[in-house]
């Protein structure tokens, strides 16, 4: 067996592994899914920097809020009120969640993962 073949046999798998790892890191993290289209009558609230992008929002009864997680962290949304009870699954970065508010009232929307996140929803 030639010297070149012995070297390739000895070091080839290691070189292949190094090239694979290098190219995997160069590609970076996978891209988040594209943002969903805004539906008629829908209000978009962005989750970024462990906060909602506003403190209050007003929507009509039966309206929907679309929560876009543009943060580096998972988020979650919950409402606990006599007129409405809702709790979402964890929402990974780049994902969208839609929550309908069927009844009039004042609702405090929060994130269980980040308890300082509050959004006051006024449903008319």
PDB file of N, CA and C in Angstrom:
ATOM      1  N   UNK A   1       0.859  -1.174   0.000  1.00  0.00           N
ATOM      2  CA  UNK A   1       0.000   0.000   0.000  1.00  0.00           C
ATOM      3  C   UNK A   1       0.900   1.230   0.000  1.00  0.00           C
ATOM      4  N   UNK A   2       0.578   2.177  -0.842  1.00  0.00           N
ATOM      5  CA  UNK A   2       1.404   3.374  -0.947  1.00  0.00           C
ATOM      6  C   UNK A   2       1.252   4.235   0.301  1.00  0.00           C
ATOM      7  N   UNK A   3       2.215   5.093   0.500  1.00  0.00           N
ATOM      8  CA  UNK A   3       2.211   6.005   1.660  1.00  0.00           C
ATOM      9  C   UNK A   3       0.994   6.936   1.613  1.00  0.00           C
ATOM     10  N   UNK A   4       0.637   7.417   0.430  1.00  0.00           N
ATOM     11  CA  UNK A   4      -0.506   8.323   0.281  1.00  0.00           C
ATOM     12  C   UNK A   4      -1.808   7.620   0.695  1.00  0.00           C
ATOM     13  N   UNK A   5      -1.946   6.361   0.302  1.00  0.00           N
ATOM     14  CA  UNK A   5      -3.158   5.619   0.674  1.00  0.00           C
ATOM     15  C   UNK A   5      -3.215   5.381   2.176  1.00  0.00           C
ATOM     16  N   UNK A   6      -2.075   5.079   2.771  1.00  0.00           N
ATOM     17  CA  UNK A   6      -2.055   4.869   4.227  1.00  0.00           C
ATOM     18  C   UNK A   6      -2.440   6.143   4.954  1.00  0.00           C
ATOM     19  N   UNK A   7      -1.918   7.272   4.507  1.00  0.00           N
ATOM     20  CA  UNK A   7      -2.254   8.552   5.142  1.00  0.00           C
ATOM     21  C   UNK A   7      -3.738   8.867   4.967  1.00  0.00           C
ATOM     22  N   UNK A   8      -4.247   8.623   3.769  1.00  0.00           N
ATOM     23  CA  UNK A   8      -5.666   8.881   3.517  1.00  0.00           C
ATOM     24  C   UNK A   8      -6.539   7.968   4.371  1.00  0.00           C
ATOM     25  N   UNK A   9      -6.148   6.723   4.481  1.00  0.00           N
ATOM     26  CA  UNK A   9      -6.913   5.776   5.286  1.00  0.00           C
ATOM     27  C   UNK A   9      -6.860   6.152   6.762  1.00  0.00           C
ATOM     28  N   UNK A  10      -5.703   6.631   7.202  1.00  0.00           N
ATOM     29  CA  UNK A  10      -5.528   6.980   8.608  1.00  0.00           C
ATOM     30  C   UNK A  10      -6.221   8.301   8.945  1.00  0.00           C
ATOM     31  N   UNK A  11      -6.078   9.306   8.094  1.00  0.00           N
ATOM     32  CA  UNK A  11      -6.568  10.653   8.409  1.00  0.00           C
ATOM     33  C   UNK A  11      -7.847  11.040   7.666  1.00  0.00           C
ATOM     34  N   UNK A  12      -8.250  10.271   6.678  1.00  0.00           N
ATOM     35  CA  UNK A  12      -9.427  10.596   5.873  1.00  0.00           C
ATOM     36  C   UNK A  12     -10.703  10.789   6.683  1.00  0.00           C
ATOM     37  N   UNK A  13     -11.052   9.839   7.561  1.00  0.00           N
ATOM     38  CA  UNK A  13     -12.285  10.030   8.341  1.00  0.00           C
ATOM     39  C   UNK A  13     -12.262  11.295   9.203  1.00  0.00           C
ATOM     40  N   UNK A  14     -11.111  11.603   9.777  1.00  0.00           N
ATOM     41  CA  UNK A  14     -10.999  12.805  10.603  1.00  0.00           C
ATOM     42  C   UNK A  14     -11.158  14.066   9.752  1.00  0.00           C
ATOM     43  N   UNK A  15     -10.557  14.087   8.575  1.00  0.00           N
ATOM     44  CA  UNK A  15     -10.696  15.237   7.681  1.00  0.00           C
ATOM     45  C   UNK A  15     -12.145  15.397   7.217  1.00  0.00           C
ATOM     46  N   UNK A  16     -12.810  14.292   6.935  1.00  0.00           N
ATOM     47  CA  UNK A  16     -14.212  14.342   6.522  1.00  0.00           C
ATOM     48  C   UNK A  16     -15.085  14.888   7.648  1.00  0.00           C
ATOM     49  N   UNK A  17     -14.841  14.444   8.866  1.00  0.00           N
ATOM     50  CA  UNK A  17     -15.591  14.943  10.019  1.00  0.00           C
ATOM     51  C   UNK A  17     -15.352  16.440  10.206  1.00  0.00           C
ATOM     52  N   UNK A  18     -14.109  16.872  10.106  1.00  0.00           N
ATOM     53  CA  UNK A  18     -13.788  18.296  10.274  1.00  0.00           C
ATOM     54  C   UNK A  18     -14.479  19.145   9.205  1.00  0.00           C
ATOM     55  N   UNK A  19     -14.498  18.676   7.982  1.00  0.00           N
ATOM     56  CA  UNK A  19     -15.157  19.430   6.908  1.00  0.00           C
ATOM     57  C   UNK A  19     -16.661  19.502   7.139  1.00  0.00           C
ATOM     58  N   UNK A  20     -17.245  18.415   7.601  1.00  0.00           N
ATOM     59  CA  UNK A  20     -18.690  18.400   7.867  1.00  0.00           C
ATOM     60  C   UNK A  20     -19.045  19.362   8.981  1.00  0.00           C
ATOM     61  N   UNK A  21     -18.302  19.328  10.065  1.00  0.00           N
ATOM     62  CA  UNK A  21     -18.562  20.219  11.201  1.00  0.00           C
ATOM     63  C   UNK A  21     -18.376  21.668  10.784  1.00  0.00           C
ATOM     64  N   UNK A  22     -17.325  21.949  10.041  1.00  0.00           N
ATOM     65  CA  UNK A  22     -17.052  23.328   9.610  1.00  0.00           C
ATOM     66  C   UNK A  22     -18.203  23.868   8.768  1.00  0.00           C
ATOM     67  N   UNK A  23     -18.675  23.088   7.822  1.00  0.00           N
ATOM     68  CA  UNK A  23     -19.758  23.552   6.954  1.00  0.00           C
ATOM     69  C   UNK A  23     -21.078  23.633   7.706  1.00  0.00           C
ATOM     70  N   UNK A  24     -21.293  22.761   8.671  1.00  0.00           N
ATOM     71  CA  UNK A  24     -22.503  22.836   9.487  1.00  0.00           C
ATOM     72  C   UNK A  24     -22.545  24.118  10.299  1.00  0.00           C
ATOM     73  N   UNK A  25     -21.408  24.516  10.881  1.00  0.00           N
ATOM     74  CA  UNK A  25     -21.358  25.751  11.662  1.00  0.00           C
ATOM     75  C   UNK A  25     -21.484  26.970  10.761  1.00  0.00           C
ATOM     76  N   UNK A  26     -20.924  26.894   9.580  1.00  0.00           N
ATOM     77  CA  UNK A  26     -20.971  28.042   8.677  1.00  0.00           C
ATOM     78  C   UNK A  26     -22.400  28.325   8.224  1.00  0.00           C
ATOM     79  N   UNK A  27     -23.209  27.291   8.167  1.00  0.00           N
ATOM     80  CA  UNK A  27     -24.583  27.483   7.710  1.00  0.00           C
ATOM     81  C   UNK A  27     -25.418  28.253   8.723  1.00  0.00           C
ATOM     82  N   UNK A  28     -25.065  28.185  10.001  1.00  0.00           N
ATOM     83  CA  UNK A  28     -25.810  28.902  11.033  1.00  0.00           C
ATOM     84  C   UNK A  28     -27.076  28.165  11.410  1.00  0.00           C
ATOM     85  N   UNK A  29     -27.858  28.768  12.300  1.00  0.00           N
ATOM     86  CA  UNK A  29     -29.089  28.109  12.739  1.00  0.00           C
ATOM     87  C   UNK A  29     -30.129  28.095  11.625  1.00  0.00           C
ATOM     88  N   UNK A  30     -31.066  27.154  11.693  1.00  0.00           N
ATOM     89  CA  UNK A  30     -32.095  27.118  10.651  1.00  0.00           C
ATOM     90  C   UNK A  30     -32.952  28.371  10.688  1.00  0.00           C
ATOM     91  N   UNK A  31     -33.406  28.787   9.535  1.00  0.00           N
ATOM     92  CA  UNK A  31     -34.240  29.992   9.443  1.00  0.00           C
ATOM     93  C   UNK A  31     -35.618  29.707  10.025  1.00  0.00           C
ATOM     94  N   UNK A  32     -36.210  30.701  10.717  1.00  0.00           N
ATOM     95  CA  UNK A  32     -37.563  30.494  11.232  1.00  0.00           C
ATOM     96  C   UNK A  32     -38.560  30.428  10.082  1.00  0.00           C
ATOM     97  N   UNK A  33     -39.717  29.839  10.340  1.00  0.00           N
ATOM     98  CA  UNK A  33     -40.717  29.791   9.274  1.00  0.00           C
ATOM     99  C   UNK A  33     -41.165  31.196   8.892  1.00  0.00           C
ATOM    100  N   UNK A  34     -41.604  31.391   7.648  1.00  0.00           N
ATOM    101  CA  UNK A  34     -42.042  32.732   7.240  1.00  0.00           C
ATOM    102  C   UNK A  34     -43.264  33.170   8.041  1.00  0.00           C
ATOM    103  N   UNK A  35     -43.365  34.473   8.282  1.00  0.00           N
ATOM    104  CA  UNK A  35     -44.501  35.011   9.040  1.00  0.00           C
ATOM    105  C   UNK A  35     -45.789  34.769   8.262  1.00  0.00           C
ATOM    106  N   UNK A  36     -46.804  34.419   8.995  1.00  0.00           N
ATOM    107  CA  UNK A  36     -48.107  34.168   8.378  1.00  0.00           C
ATOM    108  C   UNK A  36     -48.721  35.483   7.917  1.00  0.00           C
ATOM    109  N   UNK A  37     -49.559  35.397   6.906  1.00  0.00           N
ATOM    110  CA  UNK A  37     -50.236  36.594   6.397  1.00  0.00           C
ATOM    111  C   UNK A  37     -51.245  37.090   7.428  1.00  0.00           C
ATOM    112  N   UNK A  38     -51.380  38.402   7.521  1.00  0.00           N
ATOM    113  CA  UNK A  38     -52.336  39.007   8.449  1.00  0.00           C
ATOM    114  C   UNK A  38     -53.739  38.819   7.886  1.00  0.00           C
ATOM    115  N   UNK A  39     -54.623  38.294   8.716  1.00  0.00           N
ATOM    116  CA  UNK A  39     -56.012  38.072   8.320  1.00  0.00           C
ATOM    117  C   UNK A  39     -56.817  39.356   8.525  1.00  0.00           C
ATOM    118  N   UNK A  40     -57.916  39.554   7.799  1.00  0.00           N
ATOM    119  CA  UNK A  40     -58.759  40.739   8.008  1.00  0.00           C
ATOM    120  C   UNK A  40     -59.262  40.796   9.456  1.00  0.00           C
ATOM    121  N   UNK A  41     -59.201  41.981  10.054  1.00  0.00           N
ATOM    122  CA  UNK A  41     -59.657  42.169  11.428  1.00  0.00           C
ATOM    123  C   UNK A  41     -58.706  41.652  12.481  1.00  0.00           C
ATOM    124  N   UNK A  42     -57.529  41.257  12.080  1.00  0.00           N
ATOM    125  CA  UNK A  42     -56.543  40.698  13.003  1.00  0.00           C
ATOM    126  C   UNK A  42     -55.561  41.779  13.441  1.00  0.00           C
ATOM    127  N   UNK A  43     -55.198  41.783  14.711  1.00  0.00           N
ATOM    128  CA  UNK A  43     -54.203  42.711  15.237  1.00  0.00           C
ATOM    129  C   UNK A  43     -52.931  41.916  15.512  1.00  0.00           C
ATOM    130  N   UNK A  44     -51.786  42.433  15.082  1.00  0.00           N
ATOM    131  CA  UNK A  44     -50.509  41.749  15.284  1.00  0.00           C
ATOM    132  C   UNK A  44     -49.797  42.359  16.484  1.00  0.00           C
ATOM    133  N   UNK A  45     -49.396  41.502  17.416  1.00  0.00           N
ATOM    134  CA  UNK A  45     -48.605  41.903  18.579  1.00  0.00           C
ATOM    135  C   UNK A  45     -47.306  41.112  18.508  1.00  0.00           C
ATOM    136  N   UNK A  46     -46.184  41.822  18.568  1.00  0.00           N
ATOM    137  CA  UNK A  46     -44.875  41.189  18.476  1.00  0.00           C
ATOM    138  C   UNK A  46     -44.313  40.928  19.867  1.00  0.00           C
ATOM    139  N   UNK A  47     -43.697  39.765  20.024  1.00  0.00           N
ATOM    140  CA  UNK A  47     -42.989  39.411  21.253  1.00  0.00           C
ATOM    141  C   UNK A  47     -41.497  39.553  20.952  1.00  0.00           C
ATOM    142  N   UNK A  48     -40.858  40.491  21.646  1.00  0.00           N
ATOM    143  CA  UNK A  48     -39.436  40.755  21.413  1.00  0.00           C
ATOM    144  C   UNK A  48     -38.823  41.302  22.697  1.00  0.00           C
ATOM    145  N   UNK A  49     -37.588  40.916  22.984  1.00  0.00           N
ATOM    146  CA  UNK A  49     -36.873  41.371  24.187  1.00  0.00           C
ATOM    147  C   UNK A  49     -37.667  41.067  25.457  1.00  0.00           C
ATOM    148  N   UNK A  50     -38.264  39.875  25.485  1.00  0.00           N
ATOM    149  CA  UNK A  50     -39.058  39.413  26.635  1.00  0.00           C
ATOM    150  C   UNK A  50     -40.179  40.380  26.989  1.00  0.00           C
ATOM    151  N   UNK A  51     -40.803  40.956  25.956  1.00  0.00           N
ATOM    152  CA  UNK A  51     -41.903  41.906  26.169  1.00  0.00           C
ATOM    153  C   UNK A  51     -42.821  41.897  24.951  1.00  0.00           C
ATOM    154  N   UNK A  52     -44.079  42.298  25.183  1.00  0.00           N
ATOM    155  CA  UNK A  52     -44.979  42.559  24.068  1.00  0.00           C
ATOM    156  C   UNK A  52     -44.615  43.930  23.513  1.00  0.00           C
ATOM    157  N   UNK A  53     -44.872  44.179  22.234  1.00  0.00           N
ATOM    158  CA  UNK A  53     -44.469  45.450  21.623  1.00  0.00           C
ATOM    159  C   UNK A  53     -45.374  46.617  22.011  1.00  0.00           C
ATOM    160  N   UNK A  54     -46.401  46.376  22.808  1.00  0.00           N
ATOM    161  CA  UNK A  54     -47.275  47.444  23.310  1.00  0.00           C
ATOM    162  C   UNK A  54     -47.864  46.982  24.634  1.00  0.00           C
ATOM    163  N   UNK A  55     -48.426  47.932  25.368  1.00  0.00           N
ATOM    164  CA  UNK A  55     -49.022  47.602  26.675  1.00  0.00           C
ATOM    165  C   UNK A  55     -50.516  47.321  26.576  1.00  0.00           C
ATOM    166  N   UNK A  56     -51.185  47.960  25.616  1.00  0.00           N
ATOM    167  CA  UNK A  56     -52.633  47.786  25.461  1.00  0.00           C
ATOM    168  C   UNK A  56     -52.990  47.627  23.988  1.00  0.00           C
ATOM    169  N   UNK A  57     -54.117  46.979  23.756  1.00  0.00           N
ATOM    170  CA  UNK A  57     -54.642  46.834  22.407  1.00  0.00           C
ATOM    171  C   UNK A  57     -56.163  46.745  22.520  1.00  0.00           C
ATOM    172  N   UNK A  58     -56.839  47.288  21.518  1.00  0.00           N
ATOM    173  CA  UNK A  58     -58.302  47.253  21.493  1.00  0.00           C
ATOM    174  C   UNK A  58     -58.748  46.496  20.247  1.00  0.00           C
ATOM    175  N   UNK A  59     -59.672  45.543  20.444  1.00  0.00           N
ATOM    176  CA  UNK A  59     -60.198  44.764  19.321  1.00  0.00           C
ATOM    177  C   UNK A  59     -61.705  44.592  19.502  1.00  0.00           C
ATOM    178  N   UNK A  60     -62.425  44.309  18.420  1.00  0.00           N
ATOM    179  CA  UNK A  60     -63.867  44.051  18.549  1.00  0.00           C
ATOM    180  C   UNK A  60     -64.106  42.639  19.094  1.00  0.00           C
ATOM    181  N   UNK A  61     -65.268  42.423  19.703  1.00  0.00           N
ATOM    182  CA  UNK A  61     -65.634  41.076  20.152  1.00  0.00           C
ATOM    183  C   UNK A  61     -65.594  40.130  18.958  1.00  0.00           C
ATOM    184  N   UNK A  62     -64.980  38.992  19.146  1.00  0.00           N
ATOM    185  CA  UNK A  62     -64.798  38.039  18.053  1.00  0.00           C
ATOM    186  C   UNK A  62     -63.508  38.263  17.290  1.00  0.00           C
ATOM    187  N   UNK A  63     -62.777  39.332  17.634  1.00  0.00           N
ATOM    188  CA  UNK A  63     -61.514  39.640  16.963  1.00  0.00           C
ATOM    189  C   UNK A  63     -60.396  38.702  17.398  1.00  0.00           C
ATOM    190  N   UNK A  64     -59.306  38.774  16.657  1.00  0.00           N
ATOM    191  CA  UNK A  64     -58.164  37.890  16.892  1.00  0.00           C
ATOM    192  C   UNK A  64     -56.893  38.709  17.050  1.00  0.00           C
ATOM    193  N   UNK A  65     -56.036  38.261  17.964  1.00  0.00           N
ATOM    194  CA  UNK A  65     -54.689  38.825  18.078  1.00  0.00           C
ATOM    195  C   UNK A  65     -53.719  37.763  17.590  1.00  0.00           C
ATOM    196  N   UNK A  66     -52.829  38.179  16.705  1.00  0.00           N
ATOM    197  CA  UNK A  66     -51.767  37.298  16.226  1.00  0.00           C
ATOM    198  C   UNK A  66     -50.494  37.667  16.975  1.00  0.00           C
ATOM    199  N   UNK A  67     -49.950  36.724  17.721  1.00  0.00           N
ATOM    200  CA  UNK A  67     -48.718  36.929  18.472  1.00  0.00           C
ATOM    201  C   UNK A  67     -47.560  36.375  17.649  1.00  0.00           C
ATOM    202  N   UNK A  68     -46.646  37.264  17.235  1.00  0.00           N
ATOM    203  CA  UNK A  68     -45.458  36.871  16.467  1.00  0.00           C
ATOM    204  C   UNK A  68     -44.256  36.858  17.401  1.00  0.00           C
ATOM    205  N   UNK A  69     -43.664  35.685  17.608  1.00  0.00           N
ATOM    206  CA  UNK A  69     -42.480  35.583  18.463  1.00  0.00           C
ATOM    207  C   UNK A  69     -41.240  35.919  17.644  1.00  0.00           C
ATOM    208  N   UNK A  70     -40.779  37.152  17.788  1.00  0.00           N
ATOM    209  CA  UNK A  70     -39.565  37.603  17.106  1.00  0.00           C
ATOM    210  C   UNK A  70     -38.429  37.731  18.110  1.00  0.00           C
ATOM    211  N   UNK A  71     -38.493  36.944  19.157  1.00  0.00           N
ATOM    212  CA  UNK A  71     -37.494  36.958  20.219  1.00  0.00           C
ATOM    213  C   UNK A  71     -36.549  35.772  20.035  1.00  0.00           C
ATOM    214  N   UNK A  72     -35.505  35.721  20.852  1.00  0.00           N
ATOM    215  CA  UNK A  72     -34.585  34.589  20.847  1.00  0.00           C
ATOM    216  C   UNK A  72     -35.022  33.517  21.841  1.00  0.00           C
ATOM    217  N   UNK A  73     -36.169  33.712  22.475  1.00  0.00           N
ATOM    218  CA  UNK A  73     -36.639  32.824  23.535  1.00  0.00           C
ATOM    219  C   UNK A  73     -38.028  32.293  23.204  1.00  0.00           C
ATOM    220  N   UNK A  74     -38.358  31.142  23.799  1.00  0.00           N
ATOM    221  CA  UNK A  74     -39.735  30.655  23.730  1.00  0.00           C
ATOM    222  C   UNK A  74     -40.632  31.611  24.499  1.00  0.00           C
ATOM    223  N   UNK A  75     -41.880  31.692  24.080  1.00  0.00           N
ATOM    224  CA  UNK A  75     -42.892  32.454  24.813  1.00  0.00           C
ATOM    225  C   UNK A  75     -44.130  31.584  24.937  1.00  0.00           C
ATOM    226  N   UNK A  76     -45.078  32.068  25.708  1.00  0.00           N
ATOM    227  CA  UNK A  76     -46.333  31.373  25.946  1.00  0.00           C
ATOM    228  C   UNK A  76     -47.355  32.450  26.252  1.00  0.00           C
ATOM    229  N   UNK A  77     -48.610  32.195  25.969  1.00  0.00           N
ATOM    230  CA  UNK A  77     -49.663  33.185  26.185  1.00  0.00           C
ATOM    231  C   UNK A  77     -50.763  32.544  27.021  1.00  0.00           C
ATOM    232  N   UNK A  78     -51.222  33.285  28.051  1.00  0.00           N
ATOM    233  CA  UNK A  78     -52.377  32.798  28.794  1.00  0.00           C
ATOM    234  C   UNK A  78     -53.256  33.942  29.245  1.00  0.00           C
ATOM    235  N   UNK A  79     -54.550  33.631  29.365  1.00  0.00           N
ATOM    236  CA  UNK A  79     -55.574  34.554  29.862  1.00  0.00           C
ATOM    237  C   UNK A  79     -56.368  33.777  30.899  1.00  0.00           C
ATOM    238  N   UNK A  80     -56.551  34.366  32.075  1.00  0.00           N
ATOM    239  CA  UNK A  80     -57.351  33.721  33.117  1.00  0.00           C
ATOM    240  C   UNK A  80     -58.338  34.750  33.649  1.00  0.00           C
ATOM    241  N   UNK A  81     -59.551  34.736  33.095  1.00  0.00           N
ATOM    242  CA  UNK A  81     -60.592  35.698  33.474  1.00  0.00           C
ATOM    243  C   UNK A  81     -61.937  34.974  33.478  1.00  0.00           C
ATOM    244  N   UNK A  82     -62.936  35.513  34.198  1.00  0.00           N
ATOM    245  CA  UNK A  82     -64.248  34.860  34.217  1.00  0.00           C
ATOM    246  C   UNK A  82     -64.856  34.689  32.817  1.00  0.00           C
ATOM    247  N   UNK A  83     -64.649  35.660  31.930  1.00  0.00           N
ATOM    248  CA  UNK A  83     -65.247  35.592  30.592  1.00  0.00           C
ATOM    249  C   UNK A  83     -64.414  34.785  29.602  1.00  0.00           C
ATOM    250  N   UNK A  84     -63.159  34.472  29.973  1.00  0.00           N
ATOM    251  CA  UNK A  84     -62.291  33.761  29.026  1.00  0.00           C
ATOM    252  C   UNK A  84     -61.124  33.120  29.757  1.00  0.00           C
ATOM    253  N   UNK A  85     -60.853  31.874  29.415  1.00  0.00           N
ATOM    254  CA  UNK A  85     -59.690  31.168  29.941  1.00  0.00           C
ATOM    255  C   UNK A  85     -58.970  30.532  28.758  1.00  0.00           C
ATOM    256  N   UNK A  86     -57.676  30.825  28.637  1.00  0.00           N
ATOM    257  CA  UNK A  86     -56.904  30.313  27.500  1.00  0.00           C
ATOM    258  C   UNK A  86     -55.463  30.125  27.936  1.00  0.00           C
ATOM    259  N   UNK A  87     -54.840  29.053  27.476  1.00  0.00           N
ATOM    260  CA  UNK A  87     -53.413  28.840  27.724  1.00  0.00           C
ATOM    261  C   UNK A  87     -52.810  28.139  26.521  1.00  0.00           C
ATOM    262  N   UNK A  88     -51.771  28.755  25.944  1.00  0.00           N
ATOM    263  CA  UNK A  88     -51.129  28.188  24.756  1.00  0.00           C
ATOM    264  C   UNK A  88     -49.997  27.251  25.156  1.00  0.00           C
ATOM    265  N   UNK A  89     -49.530  26.510  24.179  1.00  0.00           N
ATOM    266  CA  UNK A  89     -48.287  25.757  24.318  1.00  0.00           C
ATOM    267  C   UNK A  89     -47.140  26.755  24.220  1.00  0.00           C
ATOM    268  N   UNK A  90     -45.912  26.293  24.472  1.00  0.00           N
ATOM    269  CA  UNK A  90     -44.755  27.170  24.277  1.00  0.00           C
ATOM    270  C   UNK A  90     -44.624  27.483  22.789  1.00  0.00           C
ATOM    271  N   UNK A  91     -44.247  28.717  22.519  1.00  0.00           N
ATOM    272  CA  UNK A  91     -44.154  29.234  21.155  1.00  0.00           C
ATOM    273  C   UNK A  91     -42.678  29.507  20.860  1.00  0.00           C
ATOM    274  N   UNK A  92     -42.015  28.678  20.038  1.00  0.00           N
ATOM    275  CA  UNK A  92     -40.593  28.877  19.760  1.00  0.00           C
ATOM    276  C   UNK A  92     -40.329  30.153  18.954  1.00  0.00           C
ATOM    277  N   UNK A  93     -39.083  30.631  18.968  1.00  0.00           N
ATOM    278  CA  UNK A  93     -38.735  31.805  18.165  1.00  0.00           C
ATOM    279  C   UNK A  93     -39.140  31.610  16.703  1.00  0.00           C
ATOM    280  N   UNK A  94     -39.695  32.691  16.119  1.00  0.00           N
ATOM    281  CA  UNK A  94     -40.090  32.660  14.716  1.00  0.00           C
ATOM    282  C   UNK A  94     -41.492  32.140  14.469  1.00  0.00           C
ATOM    283  N   UNK A  95     -42.163  31.691  15.507  1.00  0.00           N
ATOM    284  CA  UNK A  95     -43.500  31.121  15.317  1.00  0.00           C
ATOM    285  C   UNK A  95     -44.602  32.121  15.628  1.00  0.00           C
ATOM    286  N   UNK A  96     -45.780  31.833  15.099  1.00  0.00           N
ATOM    287  CA  UNK A  96     -46.952  32.695  15.219  1.00  0.00           C
ATOM    288  C   UNK A  96     -48.067  31.947  15.931  1.00  0.00           C
ATOM    289  N   UNK A  97     -48.820  32.682  16.743  1.00  0.00           N
ATOM    290  CA  UNK A  97     -49.954  32.120  17.472  1.00  0.00           C
ATOM    291  C   UNK A  97     -51.131  33.068  17.328  1.00  0.00           C
ATOM    292  N   UNK A  98     -52.309  32.536  17.035  1.00  0.00           N
ATOM    293  CA  UNK A  98     -53.523  33.355  16.933  1.00  0.00           C
ATOM    294  C   UNK A  98     -54.445  33.022  18.098  1.00  0.00           C
ATOM    295  N   UNK A  99     -54.961  34.070  18.762  1.00  0.00           N
ATOM    296  CA  UNK A  99     -55.892  33.895  19.877  1.00  0.00           C
ATOM    297  C   UNK A  99     -57.130  34.742  19.603  1.00  0.00           C
ATOM    298  N   UNK A 100     -58.294  34.102  19.599  1.00  0.00           N
ATOM    299  CA  UNK A 100     -59.570  34.797  19.389  1.00  0.00           C
ATOM    300  C   UNK A 100     -60.142  35.224  20.735  1.00  0.00           C
ATOM    301  N   UNK A 101     -60.754  36.402  20.758  1.00  0.00           N
ATOM    302  CA  UNK A 101     -61.404  36.951  21.947  1.00  0.00           C
ATOM    303  C   UNK A 101     -62.895  37.102  21.632  1.00  0.00           C
ATOM    304  N   UNK A 102     -63.703  36.081  21.953  1.00  0.00           N
ATOM    305  CA  UNK A 102     -65.105  36.079  21.533  1.00  0.00           C
ATOM    306  C   UNK A 102     -66.024  36.997  22.329  1.00  0.00           C
ATOM    307  N   UNK A 103     -65.641  37.350  23.567  1.00  0.00           N
ATOM    308  CA  UNK A 103     -66.545  38.107  24.443  1.00  0.00           C
ATOM    309  C   UNK A 103     -65.969  39.475  24.795  1.00  0.00           C
ATOM    310  N   UNK A 104     -66.823  40.491  24.949  1.00  0.00           N
ATOM    311  CA  UNK A 104     -66.355  41.811  25.391  1.00  0.00           C
ATOM    312  C   UNK A 104     -65.787  41.730  26.812  1.00  0.00           C
ATOM    313  N   UNK A 105     -64.867  42.628  27.098  1.00  0.00           N
ATOM    314  CA  UNK A 105     -64.293  42.707  28.442  1.00  0.00           C
ATOM    315  C   UNK A 105     -62.853  43.172  28.411  1.00  0.00           C
ATOM    316  N   UNK A 106     -62.275  43.265  29.593  1.00  0.00           N
ATOM    317  CA  UNK A 106     -60.860  43.618  29.762  1.00  0.00           C
ATOM    318  C   UNK A 106     -60.110  42.337  30.122  1.00  0.00           C
ATOM    319  N   UNK A 107     -59.045  42.056  29.402  1.00  0.00           N
ATOM    320  CA  UNK A 107     -58.298  40.819  29.622  1.00  0.00           C
ATOM    321  C   UNK A 107     -56.813  41.123  29.758  1.00  0.00           C
ATOM    322  N   UNK A 108     -56.192  40.513  30.764  1.00  0.00           N
ATOM    323  CA  UNK A 108     -54.752  40.639  30.968  1.00  0.00           C
ATOM    324  C   UNK A 108     -54.092  39.409  30.359  1.00  0.00           C
ATOM    325  N   UNK A 109     -53.346  39.608  29.277  1.00  0.00           N
ATOM    326  CA  UNK A 109     -52.628  38.520  28.617  1.00  0.00           C
ATOM    327  C   UNK A 109     -51.218  38.504  29.190  1.00  0.00           C
ATOM    328  N   UNK A 110     -50.748  37.310  29.549  1.00  0.00           N
ATOM    329  CA  UNK A 110     -49.419  37.180  30.145  1.00  0.00           C
ATOM    330  C   UNK A 110     -48.661  36.022  29.508  1.00  0.00           C
ATOM    331  N   UNK A 111     -47.381  35.942  29.862  1.00  0.00           N
ATOM    332  CA  UNK A 111     -46.509  34.842  29.450  1.00  0.00           C
ATOM    333  C   UNK A 111     -46.029  34.147  30.724  1.00  0.00           C
ATOM    334  N   UNK A 112     -46.319  32.865  30.873  1.00  0.00           N
ATOM    335  CA  UNK A 112     -45.875  32.143  32.081  1.00  0.00           C
ATOM    336  C   UNK A 112     -44.355  32.018  32.135  1.00  0.00           C
ATOM    337  N   UNK A 113     -43.711  31.992  31.003  1.00  0.00           N
ATOM    338  CA  UNK A 113     -42.253  31.866  30.974  1.00  0.00           C
ATOM    339  C   UNK A 113     -41.599  33.163  31.441  1.00  0.00           C
ATOM    340  N   UNK A 114     -42.177  34.304  31.069  1.00  0.00           N
ATOM    341  CA  UNK A 114     -41.650  35.627  31.429  1.00  0.00           C
ATOM    342  C   UNK A 114     -42.763  36.403  32.130  1.00  0.00           C
ATOM    343  N   UNK A 115     -42.902  36.254  33.453  1.00  0.00           N
ATOM    344  CA  UNK A 115     -44.046  36.816  34.185  1.00  0.00           C
ATOM    345  C   UNK A 115     -44.187  38.336  34.113  1.00  0.00           C
ATOM    346  N   UNK A 116     -43.157  39.046  33.706  1.00  0.00           N
ATOM    347  CA  UNK A 116     -43.272  40.508  33.602  1.00  0.00           C
ATOM    348  C   UNK A 116     -43.941  40.940  32.301  1.00  0.00           C
ATOM    349  N   UNK A 117     -44.208  39.999  31.415  1.00  0.00           N
ATOM    350  CA  UNK A 117     -44.870  40.320  30.148  1.00  0.00           C
ATOM    351  C   UNK A 117     -46.374  40.414  30.377  1.00  0.00           C
ATOM    352  N   UNK A 118     -46.935  41.597  30.142  1.00  0.00           N
ATOM    353  CA  UNK A 118     -48.377  41.821  30.283  1.00  0.00           C
ATOM    354  C   UNK A 118     -48.886  42.616  29.086  1.00  0.00           C
ATOM    355  N   UNK A 119     -50.061  42.252  28.618  1.00  0.00           N
ATOM    356  CA  UNK A 119     -50.743  42.983  27.555  1.00  0.00           C
ATOM    357  C   UNK A 119     -52.198  43.120  27.970  1.00  0.00           C
ATOM    358  N   UNK A 120     -52.670  44.357  28.068  1.00  0.00           N
ATOM    359  CA  UNK A 120     -54.075  44.609  28.403  1.00  0.00           C
ATOM    360  C   UNK A 120     -54.874  44.628  27.104  1.00  0.00           C
ATOM    361  N   UNK A 121     -55.861  43.732  26.999  1.00  0.00           N
ATOM    362  CA  UNK A 121     -56.697  43.641  25.806  1.00  0.00           C
ATOM    363  C   UNK A 121     -58.093  44.142  26.160  1.00  0.00           C
ATOM    364  N   UNK A 122     -58.530  45.167  25.441  1.00  0.00           N
ATOM    365  CA  UNK A 122     -59.863  45.741  25.629  1.00  0.00           C
ATOM    366  C   UNK A 122     -60.722  45.268  24.461  1.00  0.00           C
ATOM    367  N   UNK A 123     -61.651  44.364  24.756  1.00  0.00           N
ATOM    368  CA  UNK A 123     -62.513  43.797  23.719  1.00  0.00           C
ATOM    369  C   UNK A 123     -63.860  44.497  23.796  1.00  0.00           C
ATOM    370  N   UNK A 124     -64.255  45.193  22.728  1.00  0.00           N
ATOM    371  CA  UNK A 124     -65.508  45.975  22.676  1.00  0.00           C
ATOM    372  C   UNK A 124     -66.610  45.190  22.016  1.00  0.00           C
TER     373      UNK A 124
END
